[in-house]
Structure formats: structure tokens, C-alpha cells
Amino acid sequence: EVAVRRVGFESEDVSVATHCRLRQALKEHVPSSRVTLVATVGIVEELRSRKDQDEMVLLQRAIDISDEAFNTVTANIKAGETEISVGRRLEAAMRELGADGPSFDTIVGSGPNGALPHYLAGDRPIQEGEPVVIDMGAKYKGYCSDLTRTIILGTPDETFRRVYDVVLGAQLTAMATVQVGMTGSQADGLARKVIEQAGYGDNFG
């Protein structure tokens, strides 16, 4: 017999069928008059939002794996290679470095495809002199990394340099000025303001 009086369940995630199974299991092991099922909201999410030192080590390893895979693969991308080929090589490199696999579908967007949010990787051959946006991450022992970087094959033109510097400036400004307690909207605004002041507000995706 289990000595329990109250059993919590995640009300936003537990289906009616699962709730019924839980209630039945409790009836079989504990007198029904002694157990109360309690709907909870946000308990697990709150616990998971703060990482302990062991979790931080796992997160850092996931980050290091994706960084190393990125550096290894992007060092030898050749013009004419397809986006999907690069994506597959990135995922294979992460696995070789110890990842369980990618933390999400790897995005490789070359040229105009780089401007499409949540684009994946297609058969488009990557061209010399065009930007390539790579969004990737590694899953390591259940913990996930996520990095997005833009590279260019060959020598960037002046337009690319100008836009890249604006976005980099927005990122660095936000990192230097974000504060504990800010909302996501406020943090976003720190970067967005820099881009708007540079005249690219309408292009902020």
C-alpha cells in the first residue's frame, strides 16, 4: 500500500485518457477515499527554467559540439555544394563529436533562402560570393544547443559588410544592455532599435 494523500498532475499536458488511467491506477493501489488528484500549472516549467551546475556542464558540451561541428564543416564548403549536403555534413559532424543528434532540423539557407525564417535545406547549389545562413544545434544527453551564424563564400561585397555590421552591432548592444527582469519584448527592442536607426527596420524578420 502506498502512503499518499495528494497526487499532482500537469493539467495543461495530461489528456482525459491519461487522467482516467492515473485515477484507475490509484484506485488499485490506494483506497480512493484517501487520494486527491490535484491539477497543477507551471510547477515543472518553473523547476526546469533554472539549471544546476551539472546541467550547465551538459549545456556547455552541447554548445561546444555544435561550435566545433560548425567550424569543421564551414571551413571546406565549396561553391556548387547543395544546402542539404552541408546540412547533412553538419549533422554527421555533431554525431561524430558525441551528440545524440541534432536538436532540431538543421537550416542551411544560401543567397535569397537565407532571408526566409525557418527555411530548411534544399537542393539549391551554394554560389561563390553569397551569404549562407546556418541555424543548427546539438542534443547531448537530453540538453540542446542552438546557434545561428552567417558566413559567405569568397569575398563579401560592401552591401553585405554594411548589413552584417548593423546586425552584429544590434546583437552586441542587446547583450551589453539586457537586464534581469526585462520582458522578451523589451530585450528584443534593444536590438531592434539599432537596426531601425540604421534604416533597416522594415527588413527586421
Protein backbone atom coordinates (compact mmCIF):
# COMPACT_ATOMS: atom_id res chain seq x y z
CA GLU A 1 0.00 0.00 0.00
CA VAL A 2 1.28 3.46 -0.92
CA ALA A 3 1.01 6.16 1.74
CA VAL A 4 -0.09 9.11 -0.41
CA ARG A 5 -2.83 11.69 0.07
CA ARG A 6 -2.43 14.12 -2.83
CA VAL A 7 -1.16 13.47 -6.35
CA GLY A 8 -0.41 16.38 -8.64
CA PHE A 9 -0.72 16.23 -12.42
CA GLU A 10 0.21 18.72 -15.14
CA SER A 11 -3.22 19.94 -16.13
CA GLU A 12 -2.06 21.62 -19.36
CA ASP A 13 -0.45 18.44 -20.68
CA VAL A 14 -2.42 15.50 -19.28
CA SER A 15 -5.17 14.22 -21.57
CA VAL A 16 -8.52 12.99 -20.32
CA ALA A 17 -7.50 9.42 -21.16
CA THR A 18 -4.26 9.72 -19.18
CA HIS A 19 -6.15 11.26 -16.26
CA CYS A 20 -8.54 8.29 -16.26
CA ARG A 21 -5.64 5.82 -16.29
CA LEU A 22 -3.98 7.66 -13.41
CA ARG A 23 -7.18 7.63 -11.39
CA GLN A 24 -7.63 3.90 -12.06
CA ALA A 25 -4.04 3.11 -11.06
CA LEU A 26 -4.51 4.98 -7.81
CA LYS A 27 -7.73 3.08 -7.06
CA GLU A 28 -5.86 -0.19 -7.49
CA HIS A 29 -3.06 0.76 -5.08
CA VAL A 30 -4.54 3.27 -2.65
CA PRO A 31 -8.02 3.48 -1.13
CA SER A 32 -9.81 6.08 -3.29
CA SER A 33 -11.12 7.99 -0.28
CA ARG A 34 -7.55 8.82 0.75
CA VAL A 35 -6.25 10.28 -2.50
CA THR A 36 -6.98 13.61 -4.14
CA LEU A 37 -5.81 14.39 -7.68
CA VAL A 38 -4.62 17.99 -7.83
CA ALA A 39 -4.34 19.93 -11.09
CA THR A 40 -1.08 21.89 -11.25
CA VAL A 41 0.17 24.59 -13.61
CA GLY A 42 3.76 25.67 -14.14
CA ILE A 43 5.47 23.66 -11.39
CA VAL A 44 7.68 21.59 -13.68
CA GLU A 45 8.32 24.54 -16.02
CA GLU A 46 9.50 26.67 -13.12
CA LEU A 47 11.82 23.95 -11.87
CA ARG A 48 13.26 23.39 -15.36
CA SER A 49 13.83 27.11 -16.02
CA ARG A 50 16.75 27.16 -13.58
CA LYS A 51 19.73 24.94 -14.31
CA ASP A 52 22.07 23.49 -11.70
CA GLN A 53 25.83 23.13 -12.21
CA ASP A 54 25.60 19.61 -13.63
CA GLU A 55 23.03 20.78 -16.17
CA MET A 56 25.19 23.76 -17.09
CA VAL A 57 28.06 21.38 -17.89
CA LEU A 58 25.80 19.36 -20.21
CA LEU A 59 24.51 22.51 -21.89
CA GLN A 60 28.05 23.77 -22.42
CA ARG A 61 29.03 20.45 -24.01
CA ALA A 62 26.06 20.67 -26.38
CA ILE A 63 27.20 24.19 -27.32
CA ASP A 64 30.81 23.11 -27.78
CA ILE A 65 29.77 20.23 -30.05
CA SER A 66 27.76 22.49 -32.36
CA ASP A 67 30.54 25.11 -32.40
CA GLU A 68 33.19 22.55 -33.33
CA ALA A 69 31.00 20.92 -35.98
CA PHE A 70 30.23 24.34 -37.47
CA ASN A 71 33.91 25.31 -37.64
CA THR A 72 34.95 21.98 -39.14
CA VAL A 73 32.31 21.85 -41.87
CA THR A 74 32.20 25.51 -42.88
CA ALA A 75 35.96 25.57 -43.34
CA ASN A 76 35.60 23.47 -46.50
CA ILE A 77 32.26 24.34 -48.10
CA LYS A 78 32.78 24.65 -51.83
CA ALA A 79 30.74 26.59 -54.38
CA GLY A 80 28.32 24.23 -56.06
CA GLU A 81 27.69 22.12 -52.95
CA THR A 82 23.99 21.98 -52.11
CA GLU A 83 22.43 23.31 -48.94
CA ILE A 84 21.19 19.86 -47.99
CA SER A 85 24.66 18.37 -48.39
CA VAL A 86 26.09 20.95 -45.98
CA GLY A 87 23.24 20.27 -43.54
CA ARG A 88 23.93 16.53 -43.61
CA ARG A 89 27.63 17.09 -43.05
CA LEU A 90 26.91 19.34 -40.07
CA GLU A 91 24.63 16.72 -38.50
CA ALA A 92 27.16 13.94 -39.11
CA ALA A 93 29.93 16.05 -37.57
CA MET A 94 27.84 16.66 -34.45
CA ARG A 95 27.22 12.94 -34.04
CA GLU A 96 30.93 12.18 -34.50
CA LEU A 97 31.64 14.64 -31.67
CA GLY A 98 29.29 12.79 -29.33
CA ALA A 99 25.89 14.38 -29.92
CA ASP A 100 22.78 12.21 -29.71
CA GLY A 101 21.75 14.02 -32.89
CA PRO A 102 20.64 17.49 -33.96
CA SER A 103 18.41 19.38 -31.53
CA PHE A 104 16.17 20.42 -34.46
CA ASP A 105 16.16 20.24 -38.26
CA THR A 106 19.34 21.91 -39.49
CA ILE A 107 18.78 25.04 -41.57
CA VAL A 108 21.16 25.96 -44.38
CA GLY A 109 19.84 28.89 -46.41
CA SER A 110 22.03 30.26 -49.19
CA GLY A 111 21.50 33.50 -51.11
CA PRO A 112 17.83 34.52 -51.08
CA ASN A 113 16.90 31.46 -48.98
CA GLY A 114 18.85 32.91 -46.07
CA ALA A 115 16.17 35.56 -45.63
CA LEU A 116 13.39 33.01 -45.09
CA PRO A 117 12.67 32.36 -41.40
CA HIS A 118 12.62 28.64 -40.57
CA TYR A 119 13.74 27.65 -44.07
CA LEU A 120 15.30 24.18 -44.02
CA ALA A 121 17.87 22.98 -46.54
CA GLY A 122 17.12 22.30 -50.19
CA ASP A 123 18.83 21.28 -53.38
CA ARG A 124 19.99 24.80 -54.22
CA PRO A 125 23.73 24.90 -55.00
CA ILE A 126 25.62 27.44 -52.90
CA GLN A 127 27.22 30.14 -55.05
CA GLU A 128 30.51 31.96 -54.69
CA GLY A 129 30.18 35.38 -53.08
CA GLU A 130 26.76 34.87 -51.47
CA PRO A 131 25.81 34.68 -47.80
CA VAL A 132 24.81 31.38 -46.20
CA VAL A 133 22.72 31.35 -43.02
CA ILE A 134 23.23 28.27 -40.86
CA ASP A 135 20.92 27.52 -37.93
CA MET A 136 21.89 24.35 -36.10
CA GLY A 137 22.15 22.73 -32.72
CA ALA A 138 23.29 19.57 -30.97
CA LYS A 139 21.40 17.40 -28.50
CA TYR A 140 23.69 15.99 -25.83
CA LYS A 141 22.30 13.78 -23.05
CA GLY A 142 18.92 15.49 -23.39
CA TYR A 143 20.25 19.07 -23.45
CA CYS A 144 20.11 21.19 -26.58
CA SER A 145 22.19 23.94 -28.13
CA ASP A 146 21.09 26.38 -30.84
CA LEU A 147 23.36 28.61 -32.87
CA THR A 148 22.69 30.76 -35.91
CA ARG A 149 25.56 32.16 -37.94
CA THR A 150 26.07 33.75 -41.33
CA ILE A 151 29.09 33.03 -43.47
CA ILE A 152 29.96 33.98 -47.01
CA LEU A 153 31.82 32.08 -49.70
CA GLY A 154 34.56 34.21 -51.09
CA THR A 155 34.91 37.95 -50.57
CA PRO A 156 31.88 39.86 -49.23
CA ASP A 157 30.73 42.94 -51.10
CA GLU A 158 30.15 46.31 -49.46
CA THR A 159 26.39 45.74 -49.00
CA PHE A 160 26.99 42.51 -47.14
CA ARG A 161 29.63 44.11 -44.90
CA ARG A 162 27.33 47.03 -44.07
CA VAL A 163 24.29 44.90 -43.23
CA TYR A 164 26.35 42.34 -41.34
CA ASP A 165 27.92 45.08 -39.21
CA VAL A 166 24.49 46.54 -38.41
CA VAL A 167 23.17 43.16 -37.24
CA LEU A 168 26.34 42.45 -35.25
CA GLY A 169 26.07 45.88 -33.62
CA ALA A 170 22.45 45.17 -32.69
CA GLN A 171 23.42 41.84 -31.13
CA LEU A 172 26.33 43.29 -29.14
CA THR A 173 24.20 46.21 -27.96
CA ALA A 174 21.47 43.88 -26.73
CA MET A 175 23.97 41.62 -24.97
CA ALA A 176 25.58 44.59 -23.23
CA THR A 177 22.33 46.23 -22.11
CA VAL A 178 19.86 43.40 -21.40
CA GLN A 179 18.89 43.25 -17.73
CA VAL A 180 17.35 40.74 -15.37
CA GLY A 181 13.59 41.27 -15.22
CA MET A 182 13.17 42.52 -18.79
CA THR A 183 10.40 41.02 -20.85
CA GLY A 184 11.20 39.29 -24.14
CA SER A 185 9.70 42.25 -25.95
CA GLN A 186 11.95 44.70 -24.14
CA ALA A 187 15.05 42.62 -24.82
CA ASP A 188 14.06 42.35 -28.50
CA GLY A 189 13.65 46.13 -28.60
CA LEU A 190 17.27 46.67 -27.63
CA ALA A 191 18.44 45.04 -30.87
CA ARG A 192 15.54 46.20 -32.99
CA LYS A 193 16.22 49.87 -32.19
CA VAL A 194 19.78 49.65 -33.55
CA ILE A 195 18.53 48.10 -36.78
CA GLU A 196 15.76 50.67 -37.15
CA GLN A 197 18.19 53.55 -36.60
CA ALA A 198 20.40 52.15 -39.37
CA GLY A 199 17.43 52.29 -41.76
CA TYR A 200 16.68 48.57 -41.91
CA GLY A 201 13.63 48.44 -39.66
CA ASP A 202 11.36 47.19 -42.42
CA ASN A 203 13.73 44.26 -43.01
CA PHE A 204 13.69 43.04 -39.42
CA GLY A 205 12.33 39.49 -39.72
